[in-house]
């Protein structure tokens, strides 16, 4: 997103500072988007994404990383991830550990922080339809279900 937002800004000829603000906006929004994606992967509801796909692909997501720093069962958690998720029961246990040790709450907080940082960067620009559209995009990222 950072490349898209900075190139879009550069294409209309603003100053280097404005291009950098838009790059940072895209970076912050991209981080919020990725965290939301991590959370959707763990969601118990139908999201359109394969359930626990990140774990099955051995991806270390923010909720998992945070839970690993808090759980006394780190080695078992890592073992499950290394085995591409293990059994259905092991996956369920791993997700419950992520929830139990605050991985989801932490990720939600970080996602909101990135969104707010992105929105703050937009306040360097005039309040117009373009800015409103980018603000709506930032809000959508947090509320999307797929």
Protein backbone atom coordinates (compact mmCIF):
# COMPACT_ATOMS: atom_id res chain seq x y z
CA UNK A 1 0.00 0.00 0.00
CA UNK A 2 2.89 2.36 0.71
CA UNK A 3 4.08 2.10 -2.89
CA UNK A 4 0.57 2.76 -4.21
CA UNK A 5 -0.11 5.75 -2.00
CA UNK A 6 3.30 7.37 -2.55
CA UNK A 7 3.21 6.82 -6.32
CA UNK A 8 -0.32 8.16 -6.47
CA UNK A 9 0.79 11.27 -4.60
CA UNK A 10 3.91 11.68 -6.72
CA UNK A 11 1.84 11.43 -9.92
CA UNK A 12 0.00 14.65 -9.09
CA UNK A 13 3.18 16.54 -8.28
CA UNK A 14 3.08 17.47 -4.57
CA UNK A 15 6.17 18.16 -2.52
CA UNK A 16 8.54 15.45 -1.30
CA UNK A 17 7.09 15.90 2.19
CA UNK A 18 3.58 15.24 0.93
CA UNK A 19 4.72 12.15 -0.97
CA UNK A 20 6.42 10.92 2.22
CA UNK A 21 3.26 11.55 4.26
CA UNK A 22 1.28 9.49 1.76
CA UNK A 23 3.93 6.73 1.79
CA UNK A 24 3.71 6.58 5.58
CA UNK A 25 -0.09 6.60 5.36
CA UNK A 26 0.07 3.57 3.07
CA UNK A 27 2.59 1.85 5.31
CA UNK A 28 0.45 2.31 8.43
CA UNK A 29 -2.70 1.30 6.59
CA UNK A 30 -0.91 -1.75 5.16
CA UNK A 31 0.12 -2.82 8.65
CA UNK A 32 -3.48 -2.49 9.87
CA UNK A 33 -4.66 -4.46 6.82
CA UNK A 34 -2.19 -7.29 7.50
CA UNK A 35 -3.13 -7.51 11.16
CA UNK A 36 -6.82 -7.68 10.20
CA UNK A 37 -5.90 -10.47 7.78
CA UNK A 38 -4.12 -12.31 10.61
CA UNK A 39 -7.21 -11.96 12.80
CA UNK A 40 -9.58 -13.12 10.06
CA UNK A 41 -7.47 -16.25 9.71
CA UNK A 42 -8.24 -17.10 13.35
CA UNK A 43 -11.90 -16.08 13.19
CA UNK A 44 -14.41 -18.76 14.16
CA UNK A 45 -16.96 -17.36 11.68
CA UNK A 46 -17.03 -17.90 7.93
CA UNK A 47 -14.69 -15.34 6.38
CA UNK A 48 -14.00 -16.70 2.94
CA UNK A 49 -10.42 -17.47 3.97
CA UNK A 50 -9.26 -21.00 4.72
CA UNK A 51 -9.49 -21.46 8.51
CA UNK A 52 -6.09 -21.32 10.23
CA UNK A 53 -4.40 -21.11 6.83
CA UNK A 54 -1.54 -19.01 8.17
CA UNK A 55 -0.67 -21.65 10.77
CA UNK A 56 -0.92 -24.39 8.16
CA UNK A 57 1.50 -22.39 6.01
CA UNK A 58 3.86 -21.97 9.00
CA UNK A 59 3.36 -18.21 9.14
CA UNK A 60 4.15 -16.37 12.33
CA UNK A 61 1.36 -13.82 12.70
CA UNK A 62 1.16 -10.99 15.22
CA UNK A 63 -1.47 -12.69 17.45
CA UNK A 64 0.64 -15.85 17.53
CA UNK A 65 3.92 -14.02 18.17
CA UNK A 66 2.39 -12.10 21.05
CA UNK A 67 0.88 -15.23 22.60
CA UNK A 68 4.25 -16.98 22.30
CA UNK A 69 5.78 -14.26 24.48
CA UNK A 70 3.18 -14.87 27.22
CA UNK A 71 2.35 -18.57 27.15
CA UNK A 72 4.28 -21.13 29.21
CA UNK A 73 3.58 -23.59 26.36
CA UNK A 74 5.81 -21.92 23.75
CA UNK A 75 7.60 -25.07 22.64
CA UNK A 76 4.33 -26.96 22.06
CA UNK A 77 2.90 -23.99 20.16
CA UNK A 78 5.97 -23.72 17.92
CA UNK A 79 5.94 -27.47 17.36
CA UNK A 80 2.36 -27.30 16.07
CA UNK A 81 3.20 -24.45 13.70
CA UNK A 82 6.30 -26.26 12.43
CA UNK A 83 4.13 -29.28 11.61
CA UNK A 84 1.80 -27.10 9.54
CA UNK A 85 -0.88 -27.09 12.20
CA UNK A 86 -0.99 -30.70 13.25
CA UNK A 87 -4.36 -32.25 14.00
CA UNK A 88 -7.69 -30.47 14.23
CA UNK A 89 -7.49 -30.75 18.02
CA UNK A 90 -3.98 -29.27 18.09
CA UNK A 91 -5.08 -26.38 15.90
CA UNK A 92 -8.04 -25.71 18.18
CA UNK A 93 -5.74 -25.80 21.21
CA UNK A 94 -3.26 -23.42 19.55
CA UNK A 95 -6.00 -20.93 18.70
CA UNK A 96 -7.29 -21.15 22.26
CA UNK A 97 -3.76 -20.41 23.55
CA UNK A 98 -3.55 -17.39 21.26
CA UNK A 99 -6.86 -16.15 22.67
CA UNK A 100 -6.06 -17.08 26.29
CA UNK A 101 -2.73 -15.26 26.31
CA UNK A 102 -4.02 -12.06 24.75
CA UNK A 103 -2.80 -12.43 21.17
CA UNK A 104 -6.09 -11.35 19.65
CA UNK A 105 -6.61 -8.39 21.99
CA UNK A 106 -3.04 -7.22 21.41
CA UNK A 107 -3.45 -7.47 17.63
CA UNK A 108 -6.73 -5.53 17.79
CA UNK A 109 -5.01 -2.75 19.77
CA UNK A 110 -2.07 -2.59 17.35
CA UNK A 111 -4.40 -2.56 14.34
CA UNK A 112 -6.30 0.39 15.79
CA UNK A 113 -3.03 2.20 16.60
CA UNK A 114 -1.86 1.84 13.00
CA UNK A 115 -5.23 3.05 11.71
CA UNK A 116 -5.13 6.12 13.95
CA UNK A 117 -1.54 6.88 12.92
CA UNK A 118 -2.59 6.62 9.26
CA UNK A 119 -5.56 8.93 9.79
CA UNK A 120 -3.39 11.46 11.62
CA UNK A 121 -1.11 11.61 8.57
CA UNK A 122 -4.12 12.45 6.39
CA UNK A 123 -4.77 15.55 8.48
CA UNK A 124 -1.79 17.13 6.70
CA UNK A 125 -4.01 17.35 3.61
CA UNK A 126 -7.11 19.43 2.81
CA UNK A 127 -10.46 18.09 3.93
CA UNK A 128 -11.88 17.07 0.55
CA UNK A 129 -13.46 14.10 -1.20
CA UNK A 130 -10.09 12.42 -1.79
CA UNK A 131 -9.18 12.56 1.87
CA UNK A 132 -12.66 11.40 2.89
CA UNK A 133 -12.28 8.40 0.58
CA UNK A 134 -8.95 7.48 2.16
CA UNK A 135 -10.46 7.86 5.63
CA UNK A 136 -13.30 5.54 4.62
CA UNK A 137 -10.74 3.03 3.33
CA UNK A 138 -8.96 3.12 6.70
CA UNK A 139 -12.26 2.47 8.48
CA UNK A 140 -13.20 -0.34 6.09
CA UNK A 141 -9.94 -2.18 6.74
CA UNK A 142 -10.89 -2.63 10.39
CA UNK A 143 -14.47 -3.66 9.74
CA UNK A 144 -14.00 -5.97 6.73
CA UNK A 145 -15.07 -9.57 7.14
CA UNK A 146 -13.18 -11.12 4.22
